[in-house]
Amino acid sequence: MKNLSLKMDDSVFNETEKITAKISKNRNRYINEAVEFYNMLQKRKLISRQLKKESKVVREESMKVLSEFEKLLDED
């Protein structure tokens, strides 16, 4: 496990302290779970962006292929 020094806004710290006391979870565990959740959220956003980018490329290529098929049909 890595040690980390963290500066946190006072309001965020105070809210964290209140919540961790109410749910009986230590601050370290709470912050670890929060970062883990945020990492998953960011991964999903990255995957979504990549999927949109790749979908655009596929769509453009599909339109080219469709156009070629239409030309073939028009020739008949």
C-alpha atoms as a PDB file:
ATOM      1  CA  MET A   1       0.000   0.000   0.000  1.00  0.00           C
ATOM      2  CA  LYS A   2       1.261   3.503  -0.850  1.00  0.00           C
ATOM      3  CA  ASN A   3       1.328   6.446   1.525  1.00  0.00           C
ATOM      4  CA  LEU A   4      -0.167   9.655   0.241  1.00  0.00           C
ATOM      5  CA  SER A   5      -0.155  13.199   1.528  1.00  0.00           C
ATOM      6  CA  LEU A   6      -3.380  14.936   0.616  1.00  0.00           C
ATOM      7  CA  LYS A   7      -4.536  18.528   0.864  1.00  0.00           C
ATOM      8  CA  MET A   8      -8.300  18.728   1.054  1.00  0.00           C
ATOM      9  CA  ASP A   9     -10.622  21.720   1.141  1.00  0.00           C
ATOM     10  CA  ASP A  10     -11.880  22.332   4.656  1.00  0.00           C
ATOM     11  CA  SER A  11     -15.520  21.943   3.621  1.00  0.00           C
ATOM     12  CA  VAL A  12     -14.837  18.594   1.934  1.00  0.00           C
ATOM     13  CA  PHE A  13     -12.835  17.391   4.924  1.00  0.00           C
ATOM     14  CA  ASN A  14     -15.546  18.411   7.407  1.00  0.00           C
ATOM     15  CA  GLU A  15     -18.258  16.729   5.368  1.00  0.00           C
ATOM     16  CA  THR A  16     -16.118  13.596   5.051  1.00  0.00           C
ATOM     17  CA  GLU A  17     -15.585  13.515   8.790  1.00  0.00           C
ATOM     18  CA  LYS A  18     -19.336  13.786   9.450  1.00  0.00           C
ATOM     19  CA  ILE A  19     -20.191  11.042   6.970  1.00  0.00           C
ATOM     20  CA  THR A  20     -17.487   8.617   8.077  1.00  0.00           C
ATOM     21  CA  ALA A  21     -18.588   9.032  11.694  1.00  0.00           C
ATOM     22  CA  LYS A  22     -22.206   8.283  10.776  1.00  0.00           C
ATOM     23  CA  ILE A  23     -21.370   5.190   8.749  1.00  0.00           C
ATOM     24  CA  SER A  24     -18.643   3.972  11.118  1.00  0.00           C
ATOM     25  CA  LYS A  25     -15.973   3.757   8.437  1.00  0.00           C
ATOM     26  CA  ASN A  26     -12.461   5.064   8.854  1.00  0.00           C
ATOM     27  CA  ARG A  27     -11.435   8.025   6.724  1.00  0.00           C
ATOM     28  CA  ASN A  28      -8.708   6.123   4.867  1.00  0.00           C
ATOM     29  CA  ARG A  29     -11.083   3.349   3.753  1.00  0.00           C
ATOM     30  CA  TYR A  30     -13.733   5.913   2.783  1.00  0.00           C
ATOM     31  CA  ILE A  31     -11.297   7.916   0.631  1.00  0.00           C
ATOM     32  CA  ASN A  32      -9.918   4.729  -0.968  1.00  0.00           C
ATOM     33  CA  GLU A  33     -13.442   3.657  -1.930  1.00  0.00           C
ATOM     34  CA  ALA A  34     -14.232   7.147  -3.228  1.00  0.00           C
ATOM     35  CA  VAL A  35     -11.128   7.208  -5.432  1.00  0.00           C
ATOM     36  CA  GLU A  36     -11.831   3.674  -6.650  1.00  0.00           C
ATOM     37  CA  PHE A  37     -15.379   4.710  -7.590  1.00  0.00           C
ATOM     38  CA  TYR A  38     -14.137   7.860  -9.331  1.00  0.00           C
ATOM     39  CA  ASN A  39     -11.547   5.832 -11.268  1.00  0.00           C
ATOM     40  CA  MET A  40     -14.295   3.501 -12.524  1.00  0.00           C
ATOM     41  CA  LEU A  41     -16.395   6.503 -13.535  1.00  0.00           C
ATOM     42  CA  GLN A  42     -13.487   8.034 -15.453  1.00  0.00           C
ATOM     43  CA  LYS A  43     -12.716   4.704 -17.169  1.00  0.00           C
ATOM     44  CA  ARG A  44     -16.333   4.522 -18.331  1.00  0.00           C
ATOM     45  CA  LYS A  45     -16.095   8.057 -19.712  1.00  0.00           C
ATOM     46  CA  LEU A  46     -12.862   7.208 -21.541  1.00  0.00           C
ATOM     47  CA  ILE A  47     -14.413   4.054 -23.014  1.00  0.00           C
ATOM     48  CA  SER A  48     -17.497   6.026 -24.043  1.00  0.00           C
ATOM     49  CA  ARG A  49     -15.371   8.634 -25.839  1.00  0.00           C
ATOM     50  CA  GLN A  50     -13.391   5.917 -27.600  1.00  0.00           C
ATOM     51  CA  LEU A  51     -16.573   4.122 -28.625  1.00  0.00           C
ATOM     52  CA  LYS A  52     -18.058   7.337 -30.052  1.00  0.00           C
ATOM     53  CA  LYS A  53     -14.845   7.991 -31.981  1.00  0.00           C
ATOM     54  CA  GLU A  54     -14.719   4.454 -33.379  1.00  0.00           C
ATOM     55  CA  SER A  55     -18.445   4.464 -34.156  1.00  0.00           C
ATOM     56  CA  LYS A  56     -17.973   7.610 -36.224  1.00  0.00           C
ATOM     57  CA  VAL A  57     -15.190   5.956 -38.217  1.00  0.00           C
ATOM     58  CA  VAL A  58     -17.311   2.833 -38.781  1.00  0.00           C
ATOM     59  CA  ARG A  59     -20.332   4.941 -39.758  1.00  0.00           C
ATOM     60  CA  GLU A  60     -18.303   6.887 -42.307  1.00  0.00           C
ATOM     61  CA  GLU A  61     -16.872   3.695 -43.764  1.00  0.00           C
ATOM     62  CA  SER A  62     -20.321   2.084 -43.862  1.00  0.00           C
ATOM     63  CA  MET A  63     -21.676   5.069 -45.774  1.00  0.00           C
ATOM     64  CA  LYS A  64     -18.891   4.702 -48.340  1.00  0.00           C
ATOM     65  CA  VAL A  65     -19.695   1.019 -48.779  1.00  0.00           C
ATOM     66  CA  LEU A  66     -23.418   1.769 -49.060  1.00  0.00           C
ATOM     67  CA  SER A  67     -22.684   4.383 -51.694  1.00  0.00           C
ATOM     68  CA  GLU A  68     -20.663   1.860 -53.701  1.00  0.00           C
ATOM     69  CA  PHE A  69     -23.512  -0.674 -53.507  1.00  0.00           C
ATOM     70  CA  GLU A  70     -25.992   1.965 -54.652  1.00  0.00           C
ATOM     71  CA  LYS A  71     -23.762   2.767 -57.635  1.00  0.00           C
ATOM     72  CA  LEU A  72     -23.709  -0.929 -58.532  1.00  0.00           C
ATOM     73  CA  LEU A  73     -27.487  -1.135 -58.305  1.00  0.00           C
ATOM     74  CA  ASP A  74     -27.942   2.025 -60.375  1.00  0.00           C
ATOM     75  CA  GLU A  75     -25.755   0.540 -63.123  1.00  0.00           C
ATOM     76  CA  ASP A  76     -28.083  -2.443 -63.481  1.00  0.00           C
END
